[in-house]
Amino acid sequence: MDEKILYVKWDTGYLNIDMEQFFPVNLAKFKKLLKIIDETLFSSNDCEQPDRLREELKLFFQEKIPACTATAKVKANEYADLKQKVHDTERLIHERKKPNGVPLTRPEYEAAQEDLRKYRNSAAIALSEYKINSQNAKRFERLLQELTK
């Protein structure tokens, strides 16, 4: 996995931030990070460091927004497919008949109940991942806007 590390250096020390783990953060923490980045201008010999770090953040956010949006779209489709399977399986269990009218055997009925549990759990997970990725895309957009102010 490609790790994205933001390396902030000043005279008395340094700070390594794993951007994949750290972001998205709330606006207060992000402003604190920007303040730290801006203070490196005065405390380090590298006068281009703040601009370079801001550019790294900007590129990272620009990569993450479409990635989160694409993942959200995939999870939304997955959720829709699973909800259809849940509906079909519920109807199969309720009617105790296959779509062609043949009654379900006891093992088929039990297998359908187990499938229904699996489909419901998978649908809940897909919905959760959709919401998380949609929110993360919006958060990255907000952070990018704050960065470009």
N, C-alpha and C. Protein backbone atom coordinates (compact mmCIF):
# COMPACT_ATOMS: atom_id res chain seq x y z
N MET A 1 0.84 -1.18 0.00
CA MET A 1 0.00 0.00 0.00
C MET A 1 0.89 1.24 0.00
N ASP A 2 0.52 2.20 -0.77
CA ASP A 2 1.29 3.43 -0.91
C ASP A 2 0.97 4.36 0.26
N GLU A 3 1.95 4.51 1.16
CA GLU A 3 1.75 5.37 2.32
C GLU A 3 2.05 6.81 1.95
N LYS A 4 1.18 7.70 2.35
CA LYS A 4 1.37 9.12 2.13
C LYS A 4 1.73 9.74 3.48
N ILE A 5 2.97 10.17 3.60
CA ILE A 5 3.47 10.76 4.84
C ILE A 5 3.74 12.25 4.60
N LEU A 6 3.18 13.08 5.45
CA LEU A 6 3.44 14.51 5.42
C LEU A 6 4.53 14.78 6.45
N TYR A 7 5.69 15.24 5.98
CA TYR A 7 6.85 15.46 6.83
C TYR A 7 7.00 16.96 7.08
N VAL A 8 6.74 17.38 8.32
CA VAL A 8 6.85 18.79 8.71
C VAL A 8 8.08 18.90 9.60
N LYS A 9 9.01 19.79 9.22
CA LYS A 9 10.28 19.91 9.95
C LYS A 9 10.47 21.35 10.41
N TRP A 10 10.99 21.51 11.61
CA TRP A 10 11.40 22.81 12.12
C TRP A 10 12.68 22.63 12.90
N ASP A 11 13.24 23.71 13.42
CA ASP A 11 14.57 23.67 14.05
C ASP A 11 14.68 22.67 15.18
N THR A 12 13.67 22.57 16.01
CA THR A 12 13.76 21.73 17.21
C THR A 12 13.18 20.33 17.04
N GLY A 13 12.63 20.02 15.89
CA GLY A 13 12.06 18.69 15.72
C GLY A 13 11.33 18.54 14.40
N TYR A 14 10.49 17.54 14.35
CA TYR A 14 9.74 17.27 13.13
C TYR A 14 8.43 16.57 13.49
N LEU A 15 7.57 16.46 12.50
CA LEU A 15 6.27 15.82 12.66
C LEU A 15 5.99 15.01 11.41
N ASN A 16 5.70 13.73 11.59
CA ASN A 16 5.30 12.87 10.48
C ASN A 16 3.81 12.58 10.63
N ILE A 17 3.06 12.84 9.58
CA ILE A 17 1.62 12.58 9.60
C ILE A 17 1.29 11.60 8.50
N ASP A 18 0.73 10.45 8.88
CA ASP A 18 0.23 9.49 7.91
C ASP A 18 -1.12 10.02 7.43
N MET A 19 -1.14 10.58 6.23
CA MET A 19 -2.33 11.27 5.75
C MET A 19 -3.53 10.33 5.58
N GLU A 20 -3.28 9.07 5.24
CA GLU A 20 -4.39 8.12 5.10
C GLU A 20 -5.10 7.90 6.42
N GLN A 21 -4.36 7.91 7.51
CA GLN A 21 -4.95 7.69 8.83
C GLN A 21 -5.47 8.98 9.46
N PHE A 22 -4.81 10.08 9.20
CA PHE A 22 -5.14 11.34 9.86
C PHE A 22 -6.37 12.02 9.26
N PHE A 23 -6.50 11.96 7.94
CA PHE A 23 -7.60 12.64 7.27
C PHE A 23 -8.73 11.69 6.94
N PRO A 24 -9.96 12.17 6.87
CA PRO A 24 -10.42 13.54 7.07
C PRO A 24 -10.57 13.85 8.57
N VAL A 25 -10.22 15.07 8.94
CA VAL A 25 -10.34 15.53 10.33
C VAL A 25 -11.34 16.68 10.36
N ASN A 26 -11.72 17.06 11.57
CA ASN A 26 -12.62 18.20 11.68
C ASN A 26 -11.85 19.48 11.37
N LEU A 27 -12.57 20.55 11.15
CA LEU A 27 -11.97 21.80 10.71
C LEU A 27 -11.03 22.39 11.75
N ALA A 28 -11.34 22.24 13.02
CA ALA A 28 -10.48 22.79 14.08
C ALA A 28 -9.09 22.14 14.06
N LYS A 29 -9.05 20.82 13.93
CA LYS A 29 -7.76 20.13 13.87
C LYS A 29 -7.00 20.50 12.60
N PHE A 30 -7.73 20.67 11.51
CA PHE A 30 -7.08 21.02 10.26
C PHE A 30 -6.47 22.42 10.35
N LYS A 31 -7.20 23.35 10.95
CA LYS A 31 -6.66 24.70 11.11
C LYS A 31 -5.43 24.70 12.01
N LYS A 32 -5.44 23.83 13.01
CA LYS A 32 -4.27 23.71 13.89
C LYS A 32 -3.07 23.19 13.09
N LEU A 33 -3.31 22.22 12.22
CA LEU A 33 -2.23 21.71 11.37
C LEU A 33 -1.71 22.79 10.44
N LEU A 34 -2.62 23.56 9.84
CA LEU A 34 -2.19 24.65 8.96
C LEU A 34 -1.38 25.69 9.73
N LYS A 35 -1.73 25.95 10.95
CA LYS A 35 -0.98 26.89 11.79
C LYS A 35 0.44 26.36 12.03
N ILE A 36 0.53 25.08 12.31
CA ILE A 36 1.85 24.45 12.51
C ILE A 36 2.67 24.56 11.24
N ILE A 37 2.03 24.29 10.11
CA ILE A 37 2.73 24.38 8.82
C ILE A 37 3.21 25.80 8.56
N ASP A 38 2.36 26.77 8.82
CA ASP A 38 2.74 28.16 8.59
C ASP A 38 3.84 28.61 9.53
N GLU A 39 3.88 28.09 10.74
CA GLU A 39 4.92 28.46 11.70
C GLU A 39 6.29 27.90 11.31
N THR A 40 6.32 26.87 10.46
CA THR A 40 7.61 26.33 10.03
C THR A 40 8.37 27.33 9.17
N LEU A 41 7.65 28.28 8.59
CA LEU A 41 8.30 29.32 7.79
C LEU A 41 9.29 30.12 8.65
N PHE A 42 8.92 30.34 9.91
CA PHE A 42 9.74 31.14 10.80
C PHE A 42 10.75 30.33 11.59
N SER A 43 10.49 29.04 11.73
CA SER A 43 11.37 28.24 12.59
C SER A 43 12.30 27.29 11.82
N SER A 44 12.23 27.29 10.51
CA SER A 44 13.14 26.42 9.76
C SER A 44 13.88 27.25 8.71
N ASN A 45 14.92 26.69 8.19
CA ASN A 45 15.71 27.38 7.18
C ASN A 45 15.08 27.29 5.79
N ASP A 46 14.14 26.39 5.62
CA ASP A 46 13.49 26.15 4.32
C ASP A 46 12.27 27.06 4.19
N CYS A 47 12.41 28.15 3.46
CA CYS A 47 11.30 29.11 3.35
C CYS A 47 10.21 28.63 2.38
N GLU A 48 10.47 27.57 1.61
CA GLU A 48 9.47 27.04 0.68
C GLU A 48 8.69 25.88 1.28
N GLN A 49 9.04 25.46 2.48
CA GLN A 49 8.39 24.30 3.09
C GLN A 49 6.87 24.47 3.25
N PRO A 50 6.37 25.59 3.77
CA PRO A 50 4.91 25.70 3.92
C PRO A 50 4.16 25.56 2.59
N ASP A 51 4.69 26.16 1.54
CA ASP A 51 4.04 26.05 0.23
C ASP A 51 4.07 24.62 -0.27
N ARG A 52 5.19 23.95 -0.09
CA ARG A 52 5.33 22.55 -0.52
C ARG A 52 4.36 21.65 0.25
N LEU A 53 4.24 21.87 1.56
CA LEU A 53 3.35 21.06 2.38
C LEU A 53 1.89 21.30 2.02
N ARG A 54 1.55 22.55 1.78
CA ARG A 54 0.18 22.87 1.36
C ARG A 54 -0.14 22.22 0.01
N GLU A 55 0.83 22.20 -0.88
CA GLU A 55 0.64 21.58 -2.19
C GLU A 55 0.46 20.06 -2.05
N GLU A 56 1.23 19.45 -1.16
CA GLU A 56 1.06 18.01 -0.89
C GLU A 56 -0.34 17.72 -0.38
N LEU A 57 -0.81 18.54 0.54
CA LEU A 57 -2.16 18.36 1.08
C LEU A 57 -3.20 18.54 -0.02
N LYS A 58 -3.02 19.55 -0.84
CA LYS A 58 -3.97 19.81 -1.92
C LYS A 58 -4.05 18.63 -2.88
N LEU A 59 -2.90 18.10 -3.27
CA LEU A 59 -2.88 16.94 -4.18
C LEU A 59 -3.53 15.72 -3.54
N PHE A 60 -3.26 15.52 -2.25
CA PHE A 60 -3.85 14.38 -1.54
C PHE A 60 -5.38 14.50 -1.52
N PHE A 61 -5.88 15.68 -1.20
CA PHE A 61 -7.33 15.88 -1.16
C PHE A 61 -7.95 15.72 -2.54
N GLN A 62 -7.26 16.21 -3.56
CA GLN A 62 -7.77 16.08 -4.92
C GLN A 62 -7.81 14.63 -5.38
N GLU A 63 -6.94 13.79 -4.84
CA GLU A 63 -6.97 12.36 -5.16
C GLU A 63 -8.08 11.65 -4.39
N LYS A 64 -8.28 12.05 -3.13
CA LYS A 64 -9.23 11.35 -2.27
C LYS A 64 -10.69 11.64 -2.63
N ILE A 65 -10.99 12.84 -3.10
CA ILE A 65 -12.39 13.19 -3.41
C ILE A 65 -12.97 12.24 -4.46
N PRO A 66 -12.33 12.07 -5.64
CA PRO A 66 -12.91 11.14 -6.61
C PRO A 66 -12.88 9.68 -6.15
N ALA A 67 -11.85 9.33 -5.36
CA ALA A 67 -11.77 7.95 -4.87
C ALA A 67 -12.94 7.64 -3.94
N CYS A 68 -13.22 8.55 -3.02
CA CYS A 68 -14.34 8.34 -2.09
C CYS A 68 -15.68 8.36 -2.83
N THR A 69 -15.80 9.25 -3.80
CA THR A 69 -17.04 9.33 -4.58
C THR A 69 -17.26 8.04 -5.37
N ALA A 70 -16.21 7.51 -5.97
CA ALA A 70 -16.32 6.27 -6.75
C ALA A 70 -16.67 5.10 -5.85
N THR A 71 -16.03 5.02 -4.69
CA THR A 71 -16.33 3.94 -3.74
C THR A 71 -17.77 4.04 -3.26
N ALA A 72 -18.23 5.26 -3.00
CA ALA A 72 -19.62 5.46 -2.56
C ALA A 72 -20.59 4.97 -3.63
N LYS A 73 -20.27 5.26 -4.89
CA LYS A 73 -21.14 4.84 -5.99
C LYS A 73 -21.20 3.30 -6.09
N VAL A 74 -20.05 2.66 -5.94
CA VAL A 74 -19.99 1.19 -5.98
C VAL A 74 -20.82 0.61 -4.82
N LYS A 75 -20.67 1.18 -3.64
CA LYS A 75 -21.40 0.68 -2.47
C LYS A 75 -22.90 0.92 -2.60
N ALA A 76 -23.28 2.01 -3.23
CA ALA A 76 -24.71 2.28 -3.46
C ALA A 76 -25.31 1.22 -4.38
N ASN A 77 -24.59 0.88 -5.44
CA ASN A 77 -25.05 -0.18 -6.35
C ASN A 77 -25.12 -1.53 -5.65
N GLU A 78 -24.08 -1.80 -4.85
CA GLU A 78 -24.05 -3.05 -4.09
C GLU A 78 -25.24 -3.13 -3.12
N TYR A 79 -25.54 -2.02 -2.46
CA TYR A 79 -26.67 -1.96 -1.54
C TYR A 79 -27.98 -2.22 -2.28
N ALA A 80 -28.14 -1.60 -3.43
CA ALA A 80 -29.38 -1.80 -4.21
C ALA A 80 -29.54 -3.27 -4.62
N ASP A 81 -28.46 -3.90 -5.05
CA ASP A 81 -28.52 -5.31 -5.43
C ASP A 81 -28.89 -6.19 -4.24
N LEU A 82 -28.28 -5.90 -3.09
CA LEU A 82 -28.55 -6.70 -1.90
C LEU A 82 -29.97 -6.49 -1.39
N LYS A 83 -30.48 -5.27 -1.49
CA LYS A 83 -31.87 -5.03 -1.08
C LYS A 83 -32.84 -5.82 -1.96
N GLN A 84 -32.52 -5.94 -3.24
CA GLN A 84 -33.36 -6.73 -4.14
C GLN A 84 -33.31 -8.20 -3.74
N LYS A 85 -32.12 -8.69 -3.39
CA LYS A 85 -31.99 -10.08 -2.95
C LYS A 85 -32.75 -10.31 -1.65
N VAL A 86 -32.71 -9.33 -0.75
CA VAL A 86 -33.46 -9.43 0.51
C VAL A 86 -34.95 -9.53 0.20
N HIS A 87 -35.43 -8.66 -0.66
CA HIS A 87 -36.85 -8.67 -1.01
C HIS A 87 -37.26 -10.00 -1.65
N ASP A 88 -36.47 -10.49 -2.60
CA ASP A 88 -36.78 -11.75 -3.27
C ASP A 88 -36.77 -12.92 -2.28
N THR A 89 -35.80 -12.94 -1.39
CA THR A 89 -35.68 -14.03 -0.42
C THR A 89 -36.81 -13.97 0.60
N GLU A 90 -37.19 -12.76 1.01
CA GLU A 90 -38.33 -12.62 1.93
C GLU A 90 -39.60 -13.17 1.30
N ARG A 91 -39.81 -12.86 0.02
CA ARG A 91 -41.00 -13.36 -0.67
C ARG A 91 -40.95 -14.88 -0.78
N LEU A 92 -39.77 -15.43 -1.06
CA LEU A 92 -39.60 -16.88 -1.16
C LEU A 92 -39.94 -17.55 0.17
N ILE A 93 -39.46 -16.97 1.26
CA ILE A 93 -39.72 -17.53 2.59
C ILE A 93 -41.20 -17.39 2.96
N HIS A 94 -41.77 -16.23 2.67
CA HIS A 94 -43.17 -15.98 3.02
C HIS A 94 -44.11 -16.93 2.26
N GLU A 95 -43.87 -17.10 0.98
CA GLU A 95 -44.75 -17.95 0.17
C GLU A 95 -44.41 -19.43 0.28
N ARG A 96 -43.17 -19.74 0.71
CA ARG A 96 -42.68 -21.12 0.82
C ARG A 96 -42.77 -21.86 -0.51
N LYS A 97 -42.63 -21.09 -1.58
CA LYS A 97 -42.65 -21.66 -2.93
C LYS A 97 -41.57 -20.99 -3.77
N LYS A 98 -41.02 -21.76 -4.69
CA LYS A 98 -40.09 -21.20 -5.66
C LYS A 98 -40.88 -20.37 -6.66
N PRO A 99 -40.22 -19.51 -7.43
CA PRO A 99 -40.95 -18.70 -8.41
C PRO A 99 -41.74 -19.51 -9.43
N ASN A 100 -41.33 -20.76 -9.67
CA ASN A 100 -42.07 -21.60 -10.62
C ASN A 100 -43.24 -22.33 -9.96
N GLY A 101 -43.47 -22.10 -8.67
CA GLY A 101 -44.62 -22.68 -7.98
C GLY A 101 -44.33 -23.95 -7.21
N VAL A 102 -43.14 -24.51 -7.32
CA VAL A 102 -42.78 -25.74 -6.62
C VAL A 102 -42.52 -25.40 -5.15
N PRO A 103 -43.14 -26.15 -4.23
CA PRO A 103 -42.94 -25.88 -2.80
C PRO A 103 -41.47 -26.09 -2.38
N LEU A 104 -41.03 -25.31 -1.39
CA LEU A 104 -39.67 -25.45 -0.86
C LEU A 104 -39.59 -26.66 0.06
N THR A 105 -38.50 -27.37 -0.02
CA THR A 105 -38.25 -28.44 0.95
C THR A 105 -37.74 -27.80 2.24
N ARG A 106 -37.71 -28.57 3.31
CA ARG A 106 -37.25 -28.05 4.60
C ARG A 106 -35.80 -27.52 4.52
N PRO A 107 -34.85 -28.27 3.91
CA PRO A 107 -33.49 -27.74 3.80
C PRO A 107 -33.41 -26.47 2.94
N GLU A 108 -34.22 -26.40 1.88
CA GLU A 108 -34.23 -25.20 1.05
C GLU A 108 -34.77 -23.99 1.83
N TYR A 109 -35.80 -24.23 2.64
CA TYR A 109 -36.39 -23.17 3.45
C TYR A 109 -35.37 -22.66 4.46
N GLU A 110 -34.66 -23.56 5.12
CA GLU A 110 -33.65 -23.17 6.11
C GLU A 110 -32.49 -22.44 5.44
N ALA A 111 -32.12 -22.89 4.24
CA ALA A 111 -31.04 -22.22 3.49
C ALA A 111 -31.48 -20.81 3.09
N ALA A 112 -32.74 -20.66 2.71
CA ALA A 112 -33.27 -19.35 2.34
C ALA A 112 -33.26 -18.41 3.55
N GLN A 113 -33.58 -18.92 4.73
CA GLN A 113 -33.54 -18.09 5.94
C GLN A 113 -32.11 -17.64 6.25
N GLU A 114 -31.17 -18.56 6.08
CA GLU A 114 -29.76 -18.20 6.31
C GLU A 114 -29.29 -17.17 5.28
N ASP A 115 -29.69 -17.36 4.02
CA ASP A 115 -29.34 -16.39 2.98
C ASP A 115 -29.92 -15.02 3.30
N LEU A 116 -31.15 -15.00 3.80
CA LEU A 116 -31.79 -13.74 4.15
C LEU A 116 -30.99 -13.00 5.22
N ARG A 117 -30.52 -13.71 6.23
CA ARG A 117 -29.70 -13.09 7.28
C ARG A 117 -28.41 -12.51 6.68
N LYS A 118 -27.78 -13.29 5.81
CA LYS A 118 -26.53 -12.83 5.17
C LYS A 118 -26.78 -11.60 4.31
N TYR A 119 -27.85 -11.62 3.52
CA TYR A 119 -28.16 -10.48 2.65
C TYR A 119 -28.45 -9.23 3.46
N ARG A 120 -29.19 -9.37 4.54
CA ARG A 120 -29.50 -8.21 5.38
C ARG A 120 -28.24 -7.62 6.00
N ASN A 121 -27.37 -8.49 6.51
CA ASN A 121 -26.11 -8.00 7.10
C ASN A 121 -25.24 -7.32 6.05
N SER A 122 -25.13 -7.94 4.90
CA SER A 122 -24.31 -7.36 3.83
C SER A 122 -24.89 -6.03 3.34
N ALA A 123 -26.21 -5.94 3.27
CA ALA A 123 -26.85 -4.69 2.85
C ALA A 123 -26.58 -3.58 3.87
N ALA A 124 -26.64 -3.91 5.15
CA ALA A 124 -26.36 -2.92 6.19
C ALA A 124 -24.92 -2.43 6.10
N ILE A 125 -24.00 -3.34 5.85
CA ILE A 125 -22.58 -2.97 5.73
C ILE A 125 -22.37 -2.08 4.50
N ALA A 126 -22.98 -2.45 3.38
CA ALA A 126 -22.84 -1.67 2.14
C ALA A 126 -23.42 -0.26 2.33
N LEU A 127 -24.56 -0.15 3.00
CA LEU A 127 -25.15 1.16 3.25
C LEU A 127 -24.25 2.00 4.14
N SER A 128 -23.70 1.38 5.16
CA SER A 128 -22.79 2.09 6.06
C SER A 128 -21.56 2.59 5.33
N GLU A 129 -20.97 1.74 4.49
CA GLU A 129 -19.79 2.14 3.73
C GLU A 129 -20.11 3.23 2.72
N TYR A 130 -21.31 3.18 2.14
CA TYR A 130 -21.75 4.24 1.23
C TYR A 130 -21.80 5.58 1.97
N LYS A 131 -22.43 5.57 3.14
CA LYS A 131 -22.56 6.81 3.91
C LYS A 131 -21.20 7.35 4.33
N ILE A 132 -20.32 6.48 4.79
CA ILE A 132 -18.99 6.90 5.23
C ILE A 132 -18.22 7.54 4.07
N ASN A 133 -18.23 6.89 2.91
CA ASN A 133 -17.48 7.42 1.77
C ASN A 133 -18.10 8.71 1.22
N SER A 134 -19.42 8.82 1.26
CA SER A 134 -20.06 10.07 0.83
C SER A 134 -19.68 11.21 1.76
N GLN A 135 -19.71 10.95 3.06
CA GLN A 135 -19.34 11.98 4.03
C GLN A 135 -17.87 12.34 3.91
N ASN A 136 -17.02 11.35 3.70
CA ASN A 136 -15.59 11.62 3.55
C ASN A 136 -15.31 12.48 2.32
N ALA A 137 -16.00 12.24 1.23
CA ALA A 137 -15.82 13.05 0.02
C ALA A 137 -16.18 14.51 0.33
N LYS A 138 -17.28 14.72 1.04
CA LYS A 138 -17.68 16.08 1.40
C LYS A 138 -16.67 16.71 2.35
N ARG A 139 -16.14 15.93 3.28
CA ARG A 139 -15.15 16.46 4.21
C ARG A 139 -13.87 16.86 3.49
N PHE A 140 -13.42 16.02 2.56
CA PHE A 140 -12.23 16.35 1.80
C PHE A 140 -12.45 17.62 0.97
N GLU A 141 -13.64 17.78 0.41
CA GLU A 141 -13.94 19.00 -0.34
C GLU A 141 -13.87 20.22 0.56
N ARG A 142 -14.42 20.09 1.77
CA ARG A 142 -14.39 21.20 2.72
C ARG A 142 -12.95 21.55 3.12
N LEU A 143 -12.14 20.52 3.36
CA LEU A 143 -10.74 20.75 3.72
C LEU A 143 -9.98 21.40 2.56
N LEU A 144 -10.27 20.96 1.35
CA LEU A 144 -9.63 21.56 0.17
C LEU A 144 -10.01 23.03 0.04
N GLN A 145 -11.28 23.34 0.27
CA GLN A 145 -11.71 24.73 0.23
C GLN A 145 -10.99 25.56 1.28
N GLU A 146 -10.86 25.03 2.47
CA GLU A 146 -10.17 25.73 3.56
C GLU A 146 -8.68 25.93 3.20
N LEU A 147 -8.11 24.97 2.56
CA LEU A 147 -6.70 25.05 2.19
C LEU A 147 -6.45 26.09 1.12
N THR A 148 -7.39 26.27 0.21
CA THR A 148 -7.20 27.20 -0.90
C THR A 148 -7.67 28.62 -0.58
N LYS A 149 -8.12 28.87 0.63
CA LYS A 149 -8.55 30.23 1.02
C LYS A 149 -7.38 31.18 1.03
